[in-house]
Protein backbone atom coordinates (compact mmCIF):
# COMPACT_ATOMS: atom_id res chain seq x y z
CA UNK A 1 -207.98 32.49 -67.64
CA UNK A 2 -204.68 32.61 -69.69
CA UNK A 3 -201.85 31.05 -69.17
CA UNK A 4 -199.13 34.07 -69.71
CA UNK A 5 -196.82 33.08 -67.01
CA UNK A 6 -194.51 30.33 -65.57
CA UNK A 7 -197.22 30.35 -62.30
CA UNK A 8 -199.89 28.75 -61.86
CA UNK A 9 -202.03 28.63 -58.80
CA UNK A 10 -203.44 25.53 -57.46
CA UNK A 11 -203.65 24.31 -54.10
CA UNK A 12 -206.35 21.53 -54.29
CA UNK A 13 -207.93 18.96 -57.02
CA UNK A 14 -211.25 21.16 -56.79
CA UNK A 15 -209.21 24.23 -58.13
CA UNK A 16 -207.55 22.10 -61.07
CA UNK A 17 -210.40 20.84 -62.30
CA UNK A 18 -212.17 23.79 -62.05
CA UNK A 19 -208.88 25.76 -64.32
CA UNK A 20 -209.31 22.56 -66.49
CA UNK A 21 -213.07 23.61 -67.31
CA UNK A 22 -212.41 27.22 -67.80
CA UNK A 23 -209.08 26.64 -70.34
CA UNK A 24 -211.23 24.29 -72.22
CA UNK A 25 -214.29 26.94 -72.09
CA UNK A 26 -211.18 29.39 -74.14
CA UNK A 27 -210.10 26.64 -76.49
CA UNK A 28 -209.68 28.22 -80.40
CA UNK A 29 -208.77 24.56 -81.35
CA UNK A 30 -211.77 22.91 -79.29
CA UNK A 31 -213.77 21.60 -82.52
CA UNK A 32 -211.42 19.61 -83.39
CA UNK A 33 -211.79 17.24 -81.42
CA UNK A 34 -214.75 15.88 -83.02
CA UNK A 35 -212.74 15.79 -86.16
CA UNK A 36 -211.31 12.59 -84.47
CA UNK A 37 -212.42 8.84 -83.10
CA UNK A 38 -211.87 8.75 -79.91
CA UNK A 39 -211.12 5.58 -78.99
CA UNK A 40 -213.86 3.50 -76.29
CA UNK A 41 -214.04 1.21 -73.59
CA UNK A 42 -216.39 -1.84 -73.47
CA UNK A 43 -218.73 -0.27 -72.41
CA UNK A 44 -219.01 2.66 -74.10
CA UNK A 45 -217.01 5.78 -72.24
CA UNK A 46 -214.49 7.77 -74.02
CA UNK A 47 -210.81 6.52 -72.71
CA UNK A 48 -208.66 9.62 -71.51
CA UNK A 49 -205.73 8.75 -74.51
CA UNK A 50 -202.40 10.41 -73.87
CA UNK A 51 -200.26 8.49 -76.69
CA UNK A 52 -200.22 10.37 -79.65
CA UNK A 53 -196.56 10.45 -79.48
CA UNK A 54 -197.33 6.68 -79.83
CA UNK A 55 -199.43 6.67 -82.49
CA UNK A 56 -202.24 9.58 -83.04
CA UNK A 57 -205.92 9.59 -83.13
CA UNK A 58 -207.63 8.74 -86.39
CA UNK A 59 -209.21 11.66 -88.39
CA UNK A 60 -213.17 11.03 -88.96
CA UNK A 61 -213.18 12.19 -92.67
CA UNK A 62 -210.19 9.65 -93.03
CA UNK A 63 -212.55 6.55 -93.82
CA UNK A 64 -214.89 8.67 -96.33
CA UNK A 65 -211.52 9.80 -97.67
CA UNK A 66 -210.65 5.96 -98.09
CA UNK A 67 -213.41 4.25 -99.54
CA UNK A 68 -213.62 7.00 -101.92
CA UNK A 69 -210.55 5.98 -103.53
CA UNK A 70 -211.17 2.51 -103.36
CA UNK A 71 -214.34 3.15 -104.97
CA UNK A 72 -212.31 5.00 -107.83
CA UNK A 73 -210.13 1.78 -107.67
CA UNK A 74 -212.94 -0.75 -108.44
CA UNK A 75 -215.08 1.68 -110.70
CA UNK A 76 -212.14 2.85 -112.77
CA UNK A 77 -209.51 0.24 -112.46
CA UNK A 78 -206.03 1.84 -113.96
CA UNK A 79 -207.67 5.20 -114.96
CA UNK A 80 -207.80 6.82 -111.32
CA UNK A 81 -203.82 7.46 -112.15
CA UNK A 82 -205.25 10.21 -114.44
CA UNK A 83 -208.40 11.10 -112.79
CA UNK A 84 -209.79 13.03 -110.05
CA UNK A 85 -208.74 15.35 -106.74
CA UNK A 86 -206.20 13.00 -105.94
CA UNK A 87 -204.95 11.66 -108.88
CA UNK A 88 -202.87 8.50 -108.11
CA UNK A 89 -199.75 9.34 -110.60
CA UNK A 90 -198.94 12.99 -108.68
CA UNK A 91 -200.79 12.51 -105.24
CA UNK A 92 -197.34 12.85 -103.81
CA UNK A 93 -197.98 16.49 -104.71
CA UNK A 94 -201.10 16.79 -102.34
CA UNK A 95 -198.81 15.55 -99.67
CA UNK A 96 -195.93 17.49 -100.36
CA UNK A 97 -197.77 20.56 -100.59
CA UNK A 98 -200.00 20.28 -97.59
CA UNK A 99 -195.75 19.85 -95.41
CA UNK A 100 -194.18 22.94 -96.60
CA UNK A 101 -195.38 25.00 -93.82
CA UNK A 102 -195.90 21.95 -90.85
CA UNK A 103 -191.69 21.98 -91.87
CA UNK A 104 -190.98 25.08 -92.91
CA UNK A 105 -190.08 24.32 -96.34
CA UNK A 106 -189.37 27.18 -98.91
CA UNK A 107 -191.18 24.87 -101.85
CA UNK A 108 -193.57 21.67 -102.05
CA UNK A 109 -190.50 20.75 -104.32
CA UNK A 110 -187.97 20.45 -100.58
CA UNK A 111 -191.19 17.40 -99.33
CA UNK A 112 -191.60 14.59 -99.91
CA UNK A 113 -193.38 11.09 -98.65
CA UNK A 114 -191.74 7.56 -99.40
CA UNK A 115 -190.71 5.17 -97.74
CA UNK A 116 -190.87 4.34 -94.16
CA UNK A 117 -188.86 6.06 -91.56
CA UNK A 118 -185.01 4.03 -91.12
CA UNK A 119 -185.13 3.35 -94.91
CA UNK A 120 -185.51 6.94 -95.70
CA UNK A 121 -182.75 7.70 -93.06
CA UNK A 122 -180.45 5.08 -95.33
CA UNK A 123 -181.17 6.77 -98.17
CA UNK A 124 -180.60 10.21 -97.49
CA UNK A 125 -177.26 8.66 -95.21
CA UNK A 126 -175.79 7.50 -98.80
CA UNK A 127 -176.50 10.91 -99.98
CA UNK A 128 -174.77 13.10 -96.98
CA UNK A 129 -172.34 10.31 -95.29
CA UNK A 130 -169.51 10.46 -97.49
CA UNK A 131 -166.53 9.79 -95.41
CA UNK A 132 -163.15 10.59 -96.59
CA UNK A 133 -159.86 10.58 -94.89
CA UNK A 134 -160.09 11.86 -91.43
CA UNK A 135 -163.55 13.28 -92.07
CA UNK A 136 -165.00 9.72 -91.12
CA UNK A 137 -167.13 9.97 -88.37
CA UNK A 138 -170.87 10.62 -87.26
CA UNK A 139 -172.30 12.47 -84.20
CA UNK A 140 -175.28 11.17 -82.93
CA UNK A 141 -176.60 11.02 -78.68
CA UNK A 142 -176.22 8.56 -77.17
CA UNK A 143 -179.85 7.65 -76.03
CA UNK A 144 -180.85 7.34 -80.02
CA UNK A 145 -183.60 5.64 -81.17
CA UNK A 146 -182.57 2.24 -81.88
CA UNK A 147 -183.36 2.10 -85.20
CA UNK A 148 -181.51 5.15 -85.94
CA UNK A 149 -178.45 4.48 -83.75
CA UNK A 150 -178.43 0.81 -86.26
CA UNK A 151 -179.20 2.30 -89.59
CA UNK A 152 -175.71 4.46 -88.86
CA UNK A 153 -173.53 1.55 -87.77
CA UNK A 154 -174.66 0.03 -90.75
CA UNK A 155 -173.80 2.84 -93.19
CA UNK A 156 -170.48 3.41 -90.53
CA UNK A 157 -169.72 -0.13 -91.91
CA UNK A 158 -171.22 -0.21 -95.23
CA UNK A 159 -168.44 2.49 -95.66
CA UNK A 160 -165.91 -0.32 -94.13
CA UNK A 161 -165.44 1.55 -90.72
CA UNK A 162 -165.70 0.64 -87.10
CA UNK A 163 -168.62 2.19 -85.53
CA UNK A 164 -166.69 2.30 -82.53
CA UNK A 165 -164.47 4.82 -83.91
CA UNK A 166 -166.34 5.95 -86.31
CA UNK A 167 -169.98 6.84 -84.02
CA UNK A 168 -169.80 9.63 -81.25
CA UNK A 169 -172.66 9.22 -78.78
CA UNK A 170 -172.97 12.23 -76.85
CA UNK A 171 -174.44 11.71 -73.39
CA UNK A 172 -175.81 14.09 -70.78
CA UNK A 173 -174.06 15.44 -67.95
CA UNK A 174 -173.78 13.19 -64.97
CA UNK A 175 -176.77 13.41 -62.93
CA UNK A 176 -179.09 14.85 -65.95
CA UNK A 177 -181.18 13.56 -68.51
CA UNK A 178 -181.33 16.11 -71.50
CA UNK A 179 -178.26 17.49 -73.36
CA UNK A 180 -177.41 20.62 -73.04
CA UNK A 181 -176.94 23.30 -76.20
CA UNK A 182 -173.31 24.33 -75.23
CA UNK A 183 -171.92 20.56 -75.28
CA UNK A 184 -173.56 19.68 -78.78
CA UNK A 185 -172.24 22.49 -80.13
CA UNK A 186 -168.91 21.75 -78.34
CA UNK A 187 -168.70 18.51 -79.18
CA UNK A 188 -168.94 20.19 -83.27
CA UNK A 189 -166.30 22.52 -83.10
CA UNK A 190 -164.29 19.72 -81.16
CA UNK A 191 -164.82 16.76 -84.03
CA UNK A 192 -164.52 19.76 -86.76
CA UNK A 193 -162.18 17.75 -88.70
CA UNK A 194 -163.36 14.47 -87.82
CA UNK A 195 -166.63 14.59 -88.70
CA UNK A 196 -168.98 13.45 -91.78
CA UNK A 197 -172.05 14.24 -90.50
CA UNK A 198 -174.20 15.25 -87.83
CA UNK A 199 -177.03 14.00 -86.54
CA UNK A 200 -179.46 14.45 -84.04
CA UNK A 201 -183.67 14.02 -83.42
CA UNK A 202 -185.03 17.39 -83.12
CA UNK A 203 -187.25 15.72 -80.32
CA UNK A 204 -185.64 12.96 -77.89
CA UNK A 205 -188.43 10.54 -77.49
CA UNK A 206 -187.65 9.38 -74.58
CA UNK A 207 -187.44 12.82 -72.51
CA UNK A 208 -189.64 15.22 -74.63
CA UNK A 209 -186.50 17.53 -75.03
CA UNK A 210 -186.70 19.92 -77.74
CA UNK A 211 -182.64 20.18 -79.65
CA UNK A 212 -181.47 23.49 -80.49
CA UNK A 213 -181.59 22.77 -84.45
CA UNK A 214 -180.97 26.13 -85.26
CA UNK A 215 -177.72 26.00 -83.61
CA UNK A 216 -177.12 23.00 -84.35
CA UNK A 217 -177.29 23.27 -87.89
CA UNK A 218 -175.58 26.59 -88.07
CA UNK A 219 -172.46 25.36 -86.48
CA UNK A 220 -171.78 22.26 -88.60
CA UNK A 221 -172.66 23.90 -91.80
CA UNK A 222 -170.23 26.16 -90.91
CA UNK A 223 -167.40 23.53 -91.34
CA UNK A 224 -169.22 22.22 -94.53
CA UNK A 225 -170.50 19.31 -92.16
CA UNK A 226 -173.86 17.84 -93.52
CA UNK A 227 -176.34 17.85 -90.85
CA UNK A 228 -179.93 16.39 -90.60
CA UNK A 229 -182.40 15.65 -88.23
CA UNK A 230 -185.01 12.70 -87.13
CA UNK A 231 -188.49 14.50 -86.53
CA UNK A 232 -190.33 11.55 -85.84
CA UNK A 233 -190.97 13.45 -82.59
CA UNK A 234 -191.06 16.88 -83.83
CA UNK A 235 -193.23 17.25 -87.42
CA UNK A 236 -196.87 18.31 -86.15
CA UNK A 237 -195.48 18.53 -82.43
CA UNK A 238 -193.60 21.88 -82.89
CA UNK A 239 -192.75 24.45 -85.09
CA UNK A 240 -189.40 24.15 -87.52
CA UNK A 241 -187.98 25.63 -89.92
CA UNK A 242 -185.85 23.24 -92.22
CA UNK A 243 -184.92 25.85 -95.31
CA UNK A 244 -184.31 29.07 -92.54
CA UNK A 245 -182.34 26.71 -90.24
CA UNK A 246 -179.94 24.82 -93.27
CA UNK A 247 -180.62 21.83 -92.30
CA UNK A 248 -179.46 19.82 -95.63
CA UNK A 249 -181.89 16.68 -94.75
CA UNK A 250 -184.80 15.31 -91.88
CA UNK A 251 -186.60 12.61 -91.88
CA UNK A 252 -190.28 11.72 -90.49
CA UNK A 253 -192.78 8.99 -89.84
CA UNK A 254 -196.79 10.52 -90.31
CA UNK A 255 -197.66 7.66 -87.07
CA UNK A 256 -197.65 10.03 -84.99
CA UNK A 257 -198.39 13.46 -84.46
CA UNK A 258 -199.50 13.72 -88.10
CA UNK A 259 -202.21 10.67 -87.32
CA UNK A 260 -202.02 8.91 -90.59
CA UNK A 261 -202.55 5.46 -88.86
CA UNK A 262 -200.08 2.57 -88.15
CA UNK A 263 -196.79 1.73 -90.11
CA UNK A 264 -197.65 5.38 -92.55
CA UNK A 265 -195.56 6.59 -94.78
CA UNK A 266 -192.73 8.67 -93.81
CA UNK A 267 -191.39 12.22 -94.86
CA UNK A 268 -188.81 13.33 -96.32
CA UNK A 269 -186.77 17.18 -96.29
CA UNK A 270 -184.90 17.91 -98.39
CA UNK A 271 -182.83 21.50 -98.81
CA UNK A 272 -183.23 23.62 -101.72
CA UNK A 273 -179.28 23.89 -102.35
CA UNK A 274 -179.37 20.66 -103.44
CA UNK A 275 -182.74 19.81 -105.50
CA UNK A 276 -180.34 20.19 -108.67
CA UNK A 277 -177.47 18.20 -107.37
CA UNK A 278 -177.42 15.68 -110.12
CA UNK A 279 -174.13 14.01 -108.97
CA UNK A 280 -175.37 13.56 -105.34
CA UNK A 281 -174.90 10.22 -104.80
CA UNK A 282 -179.11 8.23 -104.33
CA UNK A 283 -180.30 5.03 -104.79
CA UNK A 284 -182.35 5.43 -107.75
CA UNK A 285 -185.83 4.32 -108.56
CA UNK A 286 -188.13 5.07 -111.83
CA UNK A 287 -190.01 7.29 -108.99
CA UNK A 288 -187.11 9.59 -109.02
CA UNK A 289 -186.90 10.05 -112.60
CA UNK A 290 -187.53 12.93 -114.37
CA UNK A 291 -192.07 13.43 -114.19
CA UNK A 292 -191.82 14.86 -117.98
CA UNK A 293 -190.16 12.09 -119.41
CA UNK A 294 -190.47 8.96 -116.90
CA UNK A 295 -192.66 6.64 -119.20
CA UNK A 296 -189.65 6.90 -121.87
CA UNK A 297 -188.50 4.61 -119.96
CA UNK A 298 -184.36 5.74 -121.05
CA UNK A 299 -181.49 3.86 -119.35
CA UNK A 300 -180.04 7.07 -118.10
CA UNK A 301 -181.13 8.19 -114.83
CA UNK A 302 -182.51 11.94 -114.76
CA UNK A 303 -183.47 12.83 -111.55
CA UNK A 304 -186.65 15.16 -110.29
CA UNK A 305 -185.91 18.53 -108.76
CA UNK A 306 -185.67 18.39 -105.40
CA UNK A 307 -186.83 15.61 -102.62
CA UNK A 308 -188.71 14.17 -105.38
CA UNK A 309 -185.91 12.38 -106.69
CA UNK A 310 -184.58 10.54 -104.32
CA UNK A 311 -188.17 8.27 -104.54
CA UNK A 312 -187.97 4.58 -105.88
CA UNK A 313 -191.45 3.55 -106.56
CA UNK A 314 -194.48 4.96 -106.75
CA UNK A 315 -196.81 5.84 -103.58
CA UNK A 316 -198.93 3.84 -101.79
CA UNK A 317 -202.05 5.68 -102.85
CA UNK A 318 -203.91 3.75 -99.47
CA UNK A 319 -201.48 4.26 -97.15
CA UNK A 320 -200.98 8.55 -98.57
CA UNK A 321 -204.76 8.95 -98.20
CA UNK A 322 -204.90 9.16 -94.70
CA UNK A 323 -202.07 11.70 -94.82
CA UNK A 324 -203.48 13.88 -96.78
CA UNK A 325 -206.28 13.95 -94.34
CA UNK A 326 -204.74 14.56 -91.65
CA UNK A 327 -202.97 17.41 -92.69
CA UNK A 328 -205.67 19.34 -93.78
CA UNK A 329 -206.37 19.52 -90.47
CA UNK A 330 -203.35 20.69 -89.53
CA UNK A 331 -203.11 23.26 -92.23
CA UNK A 332 -207.30 24.08 -91.03
CA UNK A 333 -206.03 24.79 -87.39
CA UNK A 334 -202.38 26.41 -88.13
CA UNK A 335 -199.17 24.63 -86.43
CA UNK A 336 -198.30 28.23 -84.86
CA UNK A 337 -202.00 27.96 -82.95
CA UNK A 338 -201.29 23.94 -82.42
CA UNK A 339 -197.68 25.07 -80.85
CA UNK A 340 -199.75 27.57 -78.25
CA UNK A 341 -201.95 25.33 -77.70
CA UNK A 342 -199.34 22.63 -76.44
CA UNK A 343 -197.58 24.87 -74.27
CA UNK A 344 -200.34 25.50 -72.28
CA UNK A 345 -201.83 21.45 -71.74
CA UNK A 346 -197.97 21.22 -71.20
CA UNK A 347 -197.27 23.97 -68.53
CA UNK A 348 -200.84 22.61 -66.98
CA UNK A 349 -199.63 18.88 -66.98
CA UNK A 350 -196.24 19.92 -65.36
CA UNK A 351 -198.25 21.88 -62.93
CA UNK A 352 -200.46 19.17 -61.55
CA UNK A 353 -197.74 16.60 -61.86
CA UNK A 354 -195.48 18.41 -59.27
CA UNK A 355 -198.31 19.75 -57.42
CA UNK A 356 -200.06 16.44 -56.75
CA UNK A 357 -197.23 13.74 -57.52
CA UNK A 358 -193.89 15.49 -57.23
CA UNK A 359 -192.19 14.20 -54.54
CA UNK A 360 -193.01 10.48 -56.21
CA UNK A 361 -191.10 11.21 -59.79
CA UNK A 362 -188.35 12.97 -61.36
CA UNK A 363 -189.31 15.63 -64.24
CA UNK A 364 -187.48 13.94 -67.07
CA UNK A 365 -188.16 16.55 -69.75
CA UNK A 366 -187.02 20.64 -69.54
CA UNK A 367 -189.28 22.88 -67.55
CA UNK A 368 -188.59 25.11 -70.39
CA UNK A 369 -192.08 25.28 -72.83
CA UNK A 370 -189.37 26.03 -75.67
CA UNK A 371 -187.27 23.34 -74.79
CA UNK A 372 -190.17 20.80 -75.02
CA UNK A 373 -193.14 19.59 -76.88
CA UNK A 374 -196.23 18.10 -75.94
CA UNK A 375 -195.12 15.04 -73.72
CA UNK A 376 -193.78 15.29 -70.66
CA UNK A 377 -191.51 12.01 -69.51
CA UNK A 378 -191.36 11.82 -65.91
CA UNK A 379 -189.53 8.93 -63.91
CA UNK A 380 -190.86 7.10 -60.71
CA UNK A 381 -189.16 7.19 -57.50
CA UNK A 382 -190.87 4.06 -56.11
CA UNK A 383 -193.94 2.62 -57.50
CA UNK A 384 -193.87 0.09 -59.56
CA UNK A 385 -193.92 1.22 -62.92
CA UNK A 386 -196.22 -1.77 -64.45
CA UNK A 387 -198.61 -1.60 -61.77
CA UNK A 388 -199.20 1.85 -62.67
CA UNK A 389 -199.77 1.07 -65.87
CA UNK A 390 -201.88 -1.60 -65.18
CA UNK A 391 -204.19 0.77 -63.01
CA UNK A 392 -204.15 3.52 -65.65
CA UNK A 393 -205.99 1.11 -68.17
CA UNK A 394 -208.02 -0.30 -65.52
CA UNK A 395 -209.67 3.58 -65.05
CA UNK A 396 -209.60 4.07 -69.02
CA UNK A 397 -206.53 6.23 -69.33
CA UNK A 398 -203.79 5.49 -72.34
CA UNK A 399 -199.96 6.23 -71.87
CA UNK A 400 -197.11 5.20 -72.94
CA UNK A 401 -194.12 3.66 -70.61
CA UNK A 402 -190.19 3.15 -71.22
CA UNK A 403 -189.35 0.11 -69.04
CA UNK A 404 -187.54 0.17 -66.14
CA UNK A 405 -189.45 3.12 -64.69
CA UNK A 406 -190.43 5.90 -67.33
CA UNK A 407 -194.22 7.19 -67.94
CA UNK A 408 -194.60 9.66 -71.00
CA UNK A 409 -198.10 11.56 -70.95
CA UNK A 410 -199.15 13.31 -73.94
CA UNK A 411 -201.19 15.64 -74.47
CA UNK A 412 -202.24 16.46 -77.93
CA UNK A 413 -203.70 19.87 -79.11
CA UNK A 414 -205.93 18.65 -82.10
CA UNK A 415 -208.08 16.07 -79.37
CA UNK A 416 -207.20 16.21 -76.07
CA UNK A 417 -208.52 18.20 -73.68
CA UNK A 418 -207.71 20.74 -70.25
CA UNK A 419 -210.07 17.88 -68.56
CA UNK A 420 -207.96 14.80 -70.11
CA UNK A 421 -204.81 16.16 -68.10
CA UNK A 422 -207.08 16.82 -65.05
CA UNK A 423 -208.12 12.98 -65.13
CA UNK A 424 -204.75 11.90 -66.25
CA UNK A 425 -202.65 12.85 -63.07
CA UNK A 426 -205.61 12.60 -60.78
CA UNK A 427 -205.61 8.96 -61.65
CA UNK A 428 -202.05 8.91 -61.77
CA UNK A 429 -201.60 9.97 -58.17
CA UNK A 430 -204.78 7.50 -57.54
CA UNK A 431 -202.08 4.83 -59.01
CA UNK A 432 -199.02 5.87 -56.27
CA UNK A 433 -201.53 6.50 -53.27
CA UNK A 434 -202.45 2.64 -54.15
CA UNK A 435 -199.30 1.32 -53.63
CA UNK A 436 -199.06 3.42 -50.40
CA UNK A 437 -196.55 5.17 -51.26
CA UNK A 438 -197.85 8.65 -50.75
CA UNK A 439 -196.54 10.93 -47.69
């Protein structure tokens, strides 16, 4: 059975489970589930994992890949920099090339993996937040992820401005949980003479809303305002076309949907139009130096073109290998196919939530599949969040919570099944029932 419309007629748990079975039988990406390590409980039973928006699962090939590099280190020492399929001296080429299609880069030179996410926010703001005269403000969202907010505040203070007056925090309208496109674009237009930078998420971490990145970039660029995005919840989740949209820069982590492991190396996109701008402000390091003459140890810094020129130190090889392992799975599956399954998974999840626990929740995530990714966030009206979470954990369901009352459910197309979604909603219904809150 194919989901071609917004309407899914389900009247019972039996029908819901039967539909899950049919959808799983038709799943073109079903084989990829077997390519990941799936968490188990102490009795060896598989857990129902819906937390890929917090930490993605580990590809099975990662262990073998890491072992190969450990053996290379042990057997060859420093020569591992120069030999092998992923020679350490140029390992960033592998991650950049494999990521280009996922982020919509024109060429690998627009992409590099380095540092961690907040560090890269700082590095990109050094380059693109250049307050001058009346243009000194930064536009962000009111509910930005705290680390983003802290970084923006720090950069504003570094330039001698007061965050209270230099940061515009856009909030949803009263009674709404997500930002409206017209409000975002209207704010850019209204504040165009005061803005030095526009910086938004691609996907909002709490609600799962996909923001209108193309429209934001076009509006900001029309007024010569640099625009950047935090794509922590977007890369590997939705399709993005950063080059075509004219985005100046973007940053993301790789431990969520990219499945590269806890604290994994962050990614950076720098648009081609800035690739050869040697005057672009930057914090420089030797790995950003022109590769052909890096080891001549010259005093004058000559940057590599593109995102590569923002590297500081040589890449952490053992942290880069898991990224390569995961990105190869994305290349095999295809980001378009992944996105297509994501829309089906979340539509099925939405349908079950509204049917079976709809009276006890508020949907924080947009109902339009084009305006959300893998994550659906719900706000509990009466049920106690901690008690619900405790019950879910006791029956092997792994979800993510945000105090005081938000549950984030994230089925991931590469390893989640429709029956996983069925199980989560059934267990959530049981958890609410256990508190005596079902009507």
